[in-house]
């Protein structure tokens, strides 16, 4: 298990950048998760990993 740590105020555009919201396919979306702020995540994340973040995670 790996823990991916983020700070406060991680908005939805950081989680999935808007240009990748052209599909509802979870696997395709996951391939671009955090692409602009932590580009290594889609390649390195494994099942069972955990995201830990501060306040306002997923804020608009």
PDB file of N, CA and C in Angstrom:
ATOM      1  N   UNK A   1       0.855  -1.186   0.000  1.00  0.00           N
ATOM      2  CA  UNK A   1       0.000   0.000   0.000  1.00  0.00           C
ATOM      3  C   UNK A   1       0.896   1.243   0.000  1.00  0.00           C
ATOM      4  N   UNK A   2       0.478   2.225  -0.748  1.00  0.00           N
ATOM      5  CA  UNK A   2       1.181   3.503  -0.811  1.00  0.00           C
ATOM      6  C   UNK A   2       0.200   4.606  -0.445  1.00  0.00           C
ATOM      7  N   UNK A   3       0.705   5.631   0.221  1.00  0.00           N
ATOM      8  CA  UNK A   3      -0.127   6.781   0.570  1.00  0.00           C
ATOM      9  C   UNK A   3       0.298   7.952  -0.300  1.00  0.00           C
ATOM     10  N   UNK A   4      -0.684   8.551  -0.975  1.00  0.00           N
ATOM     11  CA  UNK A   4      -0.459   9.721  -1.819  1.00  0.00           C
ATOM     12  C   UNK A   4      -0.959  10.933  -1.046  1.00  0.00           C
ATOM     13  N   UNK A   5      -0.054  11.814  -0.669  1.00  0.00           N
ATOM     14  CA  UNK A   5      -0.392  12.937   0.198  1.00  0.00           C
ATOM     15  C   UNK A   5      -0.540  14.232  -0.591  1.00  0.00           C
ATOM     16  N   UNK A   6      -1.628  14.954  -0.307  1.00  0.00           N
ATOM     17  CA  UNK A   6      -1.907  16.254  -0.899  1.00  0.00           C
ATOM     18  C   UNK A   6      -2.189  17.249   0.213  1.00  0.00           C
ATOM     19  N   UNK A   7      -2.071  18.507  -0.084  1.00  0.00           N
ATOM     20  CA  UNK A   7      -2.372  19.550   0.883  1.00  0.00           C
ATOM     21  C   UNK A   7      -3.839  19.957   0.831  1.00  0.00           C
ATOM     22  N   UNK A   8      -4.104  21.186   1.197  1.00  0.00           N
ATOM     23  CA  UNK A   8      -5.451  21.746   1.200  1.00  0.00           C
ATOM     24  C   UNK A   8      -5.851  22.219  -0.202  1.00  0.00           C
ATOM     25  N   UNK A   9      -7.164  22.379  -0.388  1.00  0.00           N
ATOM     26  CA  UNK A   9      -7.745  23.018  -1.577  1.00  0.00           C
ATOM     27  C   UNK A   9      -7.385  22.352  -2.894  1.00  0.00           C
ATOM     28  N   UNK A  10      -7.520  21.045  -2.932  1.00  0.00           N
ATOM     29  CA  UNK A  10      -7.331  20.303  -4.179  1.00  0.00           C
ATOM     30  C   UNK A  10      -8.676  20.312  -4.893  1.00  0.00           C
ATOM     31  N   UNK A  11      -8.764  21.104  -5.959  1.00  0.00           N
ATOM     32  CA  UNK A  11     -10.062  21.232  -6.628  1.00  0.00           C
ATOM     33  C   UNK A  11     -10.268  20.136  -7.672  1.00  0.00           C
ATOM     34  N   UNK A  12     -11.476  20.074  -8.195  1.00  0.00           N
ATOM     35  CA  UNK A  12     -11.836  19.007  -9.125  1.00  0.00           C
ATOM     36  C   UNK A  12     -11.017  19.044 -10.408  1.00  0.00           C
ATOM     37  N   UNK A  13     -10.562  20.216 -10.832  1.00  0.00           N
ATOM     38  CA  UNK A  13      -9.732  20.301 -12.041  1.00  0.00           C
ATOM     39  C   UNK A  13      -8.351  19.707 -11.806  1.00  0.00           C
ATOM     40  N   UNK A  14      -7.897  19.677 -10.576  1.00  0.00           N
ATOM     41  CA  UNK A  14      -6.624  19.026 -10.277  1.00  0.00           C
ATOM     42  C   UNK A  14      -6.795  17.507 -10.216  1.00  0.00           C
ATOM     43  N   UNK A  15      -7.967  17.060  -9.799  1.00  0.00           N
ATOM     44  CA  UNK A  15      -8.220  15.620  -9.703  1.00  0.00           C
ATOM     45  C   UNK A  15      -8.369  15.012 -11.096  1.00  0.00           C
ATOM     46  N   UNK A  16      -9.256  15.560 -11.904  1.00  0.00           N
ATOM     47  CA  UNK A  16      -9.403  15.160 -13.307  1.00  0.00           C
ATOM     48  C   UNK A  16      -9.469  16.442 -14.131  1.00  0.00           C
ATOM     49  N   UNK A  17      -8.419  16.781 -14.867  1.00  0.00           N
ATOM     50  CA  UNK A  17      -8.444  17.997 -15.678  1.00  0.00           C
ATOM     51  C   UNK A  17      -9.615  17.982 -16.666  1.00  0.00           C
ATOM     52  N   UNK A  18     -10.229  19.131 -16.845  1.00  0.00           N
ATOM     53  CA  UNK A  18     -11.457  19.262 -17.636  1.00  0.00           C
ATOM     54  C   UNK A  18     -11.349  18.691 -19.047  1.00  0.00           C
ATOM     55  N   UNK A  19     -10.193  18.806 -19.676  1.00  0.00           N
ATOM     56  CA  UNK A  19     -10.076  18.317 -21.053  1.00  0.00           C
ATOM     57  C   UNK A  19     -10.220  16.799 -21.174  1.00  0.00           C
ATOM     58  N   UNK A  20     -10.147  16.089 -20.049  1.00  0.00           N
ATOM     59  CA  UNK A  20     -10.311  14.636 -20.072  1.00  0.00           C
ATOM     60  C   UNK A  20     -11.727  14.197 -19.691  1.00  0.00           C
ATOM     61  N   UNK A  21     -12.602  15.152 -19.438  1.00  0.00           N
ATOM     62  CA  UNK A  21     -13.975  14.814 -19.035  1.00  0.00           C
ATOM     63  C   UNK A  21     -14.886  14.598 -20.238  1.00  0.00           C
ATOM     64  N   UNK A  22     -14.375  13.946 -21.230  1.00  0.00           N
ATOM     65  CA  UNK A  22     -15.152  13.651 -22.442  1.00  0.00           C
ATOM     66  C   UNK A  22     -15.714  12.237 -22.414  1.00  0.00           C
ATOM     67  N   UNK A  23     -15.524  11.546 -21.303  1.00  0.00           N
ATOM     68  CA  UNK A  23     -15.997  10.175 -21.172  1.00  0.00           C
ATOM     69  C   UNK A  23     -16.508   9.936 -19.756  1.00  0.00           C
ATOM     70  N   UNK A  24     -17.326   8.937 -19.606  1.00  0.00           N
ATOM     71  CA  UNK A  24     -17.778   8.520 -18.291  1.00  0.00           C
ATOM     72  C   UNK A  24     -17.105   7.217 -17.881  1.00  0.00           C
ATOM     73  N   UNK A  25     -16.201   6.727 -18.727  1.00  0.00           N
ATOM     74  CA  UNK A  25     -15.502   5.478 -18.481  1.00  0.00           C
ATOM     75  C   UNK A  25     -14.474   5.672 -17.358  1.00  0.00           C
ATOM     76  N   UNK A  26     -14.676   4.995 -16.250  1.00  0.00           N
ATOM     77  CA  UNK A  26     -13.821   5.169 -15.070  1.00  0.00           C
ATOM     78  C   UNK A  26     -12.355   4.851 -15.351  1.00  0.00           C
ATOM     79  N   UNK A  27     -12.087   3.840 -16.146  1.00  0.00           N
ATOM     80  CA  UNK A  27     -10.694   3.482 -16.450  1.00  0.00           C
ATOM     81  C   UNK A  27     -10.008   4.573 -17.274  1.00  0.00           C
ATOM     82  N   UNK A  28     -10.739   5.151 -18.215  1.00  0.00           N
ATOM     83  CA  UNK A  28     -10.163   6.241 -19.015  1.00  0.00           C
ATOM     84  C   UNK A  28      -9.942   7.487 -18.162  1.00  0.00           C
ATOM     85  N   UNK A  29     -10.873   7.777 -17.270  1.00  0.00           N
ATOM     86  CA  UNK A  29     -10.706   8.915 -16.374  1.00  0.00           C
ATOM     87  C   UNK A  29      -9.516   8.687 -15.430  1.00  0.00           C
ATOM     88  N   UNK A  30      -9.406   7.491 -14.892  1.00  0.00           N
ATOM     89  CA  UNK A  30      -8.315   7.175 -13.971  1.00  0.00           C
ATOM     90  C   UNK A  30      -6.956   7.343 -14.630  1.00  0.00           C
ATOM     91  N   UNK A  31      -6.881   7.111 -15.914  1.00  0.00           N
ATOM     92  CA  UNK A  31      -5.616   7.249 -16.636  1.00  0.00           C
ATOM     93  C   UNK A  31      -5.105   8.688 -16.642  1.00  0.00           C
ATOM     94  N   UNK A  32      -5.985   9.646 -16.302  1.00  0.00           N
ATOM     95  CA  UNK A  32      -5.603  11.062 -16.309  1.00  0.00           C
ATOM     96  C   UNK A  32      -5.737  11.715 -14.931  1.00  0.00           C
ATOM     97  N   UNK A  33      -5.979  10.908 -13.907  1.00  0.00           N
ATOM     98  CA  UNK A  33      -6.130  11.459 -12.557  1.00  0.00           C
ATOM     99  C   UNK A  33      -4.864  12.186 -12.126  1.00  0.00           C
ATOM    100  N   UNK A  34      -5.029  13.402 -11.669  1.00  0.00           N
ATOM    101  CA  UNK A  34      -3.931  14.241 -11.175  1.00  0.00           C
ATOM    102  C   UNK A  34      -2.852  14.484 -12.233  1.00  0.00           C
ATOM    103  N   UNK A  35      -3.204  14.401 -13.507  1.00  0.00           N
ATOM    104  CA  UNK A  35      -2.237  14.491 -14.607  1.00  0.00           C
ATOM    105  C   UNK A  35      -1.380  15.746 -14.578  1.00  0.00           C
ATOM    106  N   UNK A  36      -1.943  16.846 -14.137  1.00  0.00           N
ATOM    107  CA  UNK A  36      -1.183  18.095 -14.170  1.00  0.00           C
ATOM    108  C   UNK A  36      -0.419  18.381 -12.887  1.00  0.00           C
ATOM    109  N   UNK A  37      -0.851  17.823 -11.774  1.00  0.00           N
ATOM    110  CA  UNK A  37      -0.190  18.121 -10.498  1.00  0.00           C
ATOM    111  C   UNK A  37       0.704  16.986  -9.996  1.00  0.00           C
ATOM    112  N   UNK A  38       0.378  15.762 -10.347  1.00  0.00           N
ATOM    113  CA  UNK A  38       1.186  14.597  -9.954  1.00  0.00           C
ATOM    114  C   UNK A  38       1.128  13.581 -11.091  1.00  0.00           C
ATOM    115  N   UNK A  39       1.778  13.867 -12.215  1.00  0.00           N
ATOM    116  CA  UNK A  39       1.645  13.029 -13.410  1.00  0.00           C
ATOM    117  C   UNK A  39       2.070  11.572 -13.223  1.00  0.00           C
ATOM    118  N   UNK A  40       2.807  11.274 -12.175  1.00  0.00           N
ATOM    119  CA  UNK A  40       3.235   9.898 -11.947  1.00  0.00           C
ATOM    120  C   UNK A  40       2.114   9.018 -11.392  1.00  0.00           C
ATOM    121  N   UNK A  41       1.095   9.609 -10.821  1.00  0.00           N
ATOM    122  CA  UNK A  41       0.050   8.826 -10.158  1.00  0.00           C
ATOM    123  C   UNK A  41      -0.636   7.822 -11.090  1.00  0.00           C
ATOM    124  N   UNK A  42      -1.128   8.205 -12.260  1.00  0.00           N
ATOM    125  CA  UNK A  42      -1.817   7.206 -13.076  1.00  0.00           C
ATOM    126  C   UNK A  42      -0.960   5.983 -13.419  1.00  0.00           C
ATOM    127  N   UNK A  43       0.336   6.167 -13.514  1.00  0.00           N
ATOM    128  CA  UNK A  43       1.229   5.063 -13.861  1.00  0.00           C
ATOM    129  C   UNK A  43       1.621   4.222 -12.650  1.00  0.00           C
ATOM    130  N   UNK A  44       1.676   4.851 -11.476  1.00  0.00           N
ATOM    131  CA  UNK A  44       2.214   4.174 -10.303  1.00  0.00           C
ATOM    132  C   UNK A  44       1.184   3.722  -9.273  1.00  0.00           C
ATOM    133  N   UNK A  45      -0.032   4.259  -9.319  1.00  0.00           N
ATOM    134  CA  UNK A  45      -1.018   3.902  -8.302  1.00  0.00           C
ATOM    135  C   UNK A  45      -1.438   2.436  -8.438  1.00  0.00           C
ATOM    136  N   UNK A  46      -1.639   1.817  -7.289  1.00  0.00           N
ATOM    137  CA  UNK A  46      -2.049   0.413  -7.257  1.00  0.00           C
ATOM    138  C   UNK A  46      -3.318   0.271  -6.423  1.00  0.00           C
ATOM    139  N   UNK A  47      -4.047  -0.798  -6.657  1.00  0.00           N
ATOM    140  CA  UNK A  47      -5.233  -1.076  -5.863  1.00  0.00           C
ATOM    141  C   UNK A  47      -4.825  -1.150  -4.393  1.00  0.00           C
ATOM    142  N   UNK A  48      -5.591  -0.490  -3.549  1.00  0.00           N
ATOM    143  CA  UNK A  48      -5.310  -0.465  -2.124  1.00  0.00           C
ATOM    144  C   UNK A  48      -4.559   0.777  -1.677  1.00  0.00           C
ATOM    145  N   UNK A  49      -4.032   1.568  -2.635  1.00  0.00           N
ATOM    146  CA  UNK A  49      -3.383   2.833  -2.278  1.00  0.00           C
ATOM    147  C   UNK A  49      -4.414   3.787  -1.693  1.00  0.00           C
ATOM    148  N   UNK A  50      -3.931   4.767  -0.945  1.00  0.00           N
ATOM    149  CA  UNK A  50      -4.804   5.706  -0.252  1.00  0.00           C
ATOM    150  C   UNK A  50      -4.382   7.128  -0.577  1.00  0.00           C
ATOM    151  N   UNK A  51      -5.378   8.011  -0.774  1.00  0.00           N
ATOM    152  CA  UNK A  51      -5.125   9.437  -0.928  1.00  0.00           C
ATOM    153  C   UNK A  51      -5.455  10.103   0.399  1.00  0.00           C
ATOM    154  N   UNK A  52      -4.522  10.910   0.888  1.00  0.00           N
ATOM    155  CA  UNK A  52      -4.722  11.685   2.104  1.00  0.00           C
ATOM    156  C   UNK A  52      -4.584  13.141   1.705  1.00  0.00           C
ATOM    157  N   UNK A  53      -5.566  13.950   2.077  1.00  0.00           N
ATOM    158  CA  UNK A  53      -5.536  15.362   1.710  1.00  0.00           C
ATOM    159  C   UNK A  53      -6.049  16.212   2.858  1.00  0.00           C
ATOM    160  N   UNK A  54      -5.737  17.488   2.766  1.00  0.00           N
ATOM    161  CA  UNK A  54      -6.186  18.433   3.773  1.00  0.00           C
ATOM    162  C   UNK A  54      -7.617  18.874   3.515  1.00  0.00           C
ATOM    163  N   UNK A  55      -7.909  20.074   3.975  1.00  0.00           N
ATOM    164  CA  UNK A  55      -9.253  20.614   3.839  1.00  0.00           C
ATOM    165  C   UNK A  55      -9.596  20.907   2.382  1.00  0.00           C
ATOM    166  N   UNK A  56     -10.871  20.832   2.072  1.00  0.00           N
ATOM    167  CA  UNK A  56     -11.430  21.179   0.760  1.00  0.00           C
ATOM    168  C   UNK A  56     -10.970  20.286  -0.377  1.00  0.00           C
ATOM    169  N   UNK A  57     -10.745  19.011  -0.110  1.00  0.00           N
ATOM    170  CA  UNK A  57     -10.421  18.087  -1.183  1.00  0.00           C
ATOM    171  C   UNK A  57     -11.651  17.914  -2.063  1.00  0.00           C
ATOM    172  N   UNK A  58     -11.490  18.114  -3.352  1.00  0.00           N
ATOM    173  CA  UNK A  58     -12.614  18.003  -4.278  1.00  0.00           C
ATOM    174  C   UNK A  58     -13.454  19.255  -4.352  1.00  0.00           C
ATOM    175  N   UNK A  59     -12.921  20.368  -3.846  1.00  0.00           N
ATOM    176  CA  UNK A  59     -13.685  21.631  -3.889  1.00  0.00           C
ATOM    177  C   UNK A  59     -13.748  22.136  -5.326  1.00  0.00           C
ATOM    178  N   UNK A  60     -14.721  22.953  -5.590  1.00  0.00           N
ATOM    179  CA  UNK A  60     -14.906  23.489  -6.936  1.00  0.00           C
ATOM    180  C   UNK A  60     -14.150  24.782  -7.093  1.00  0.00           C
TER     181      UNK A  60
END
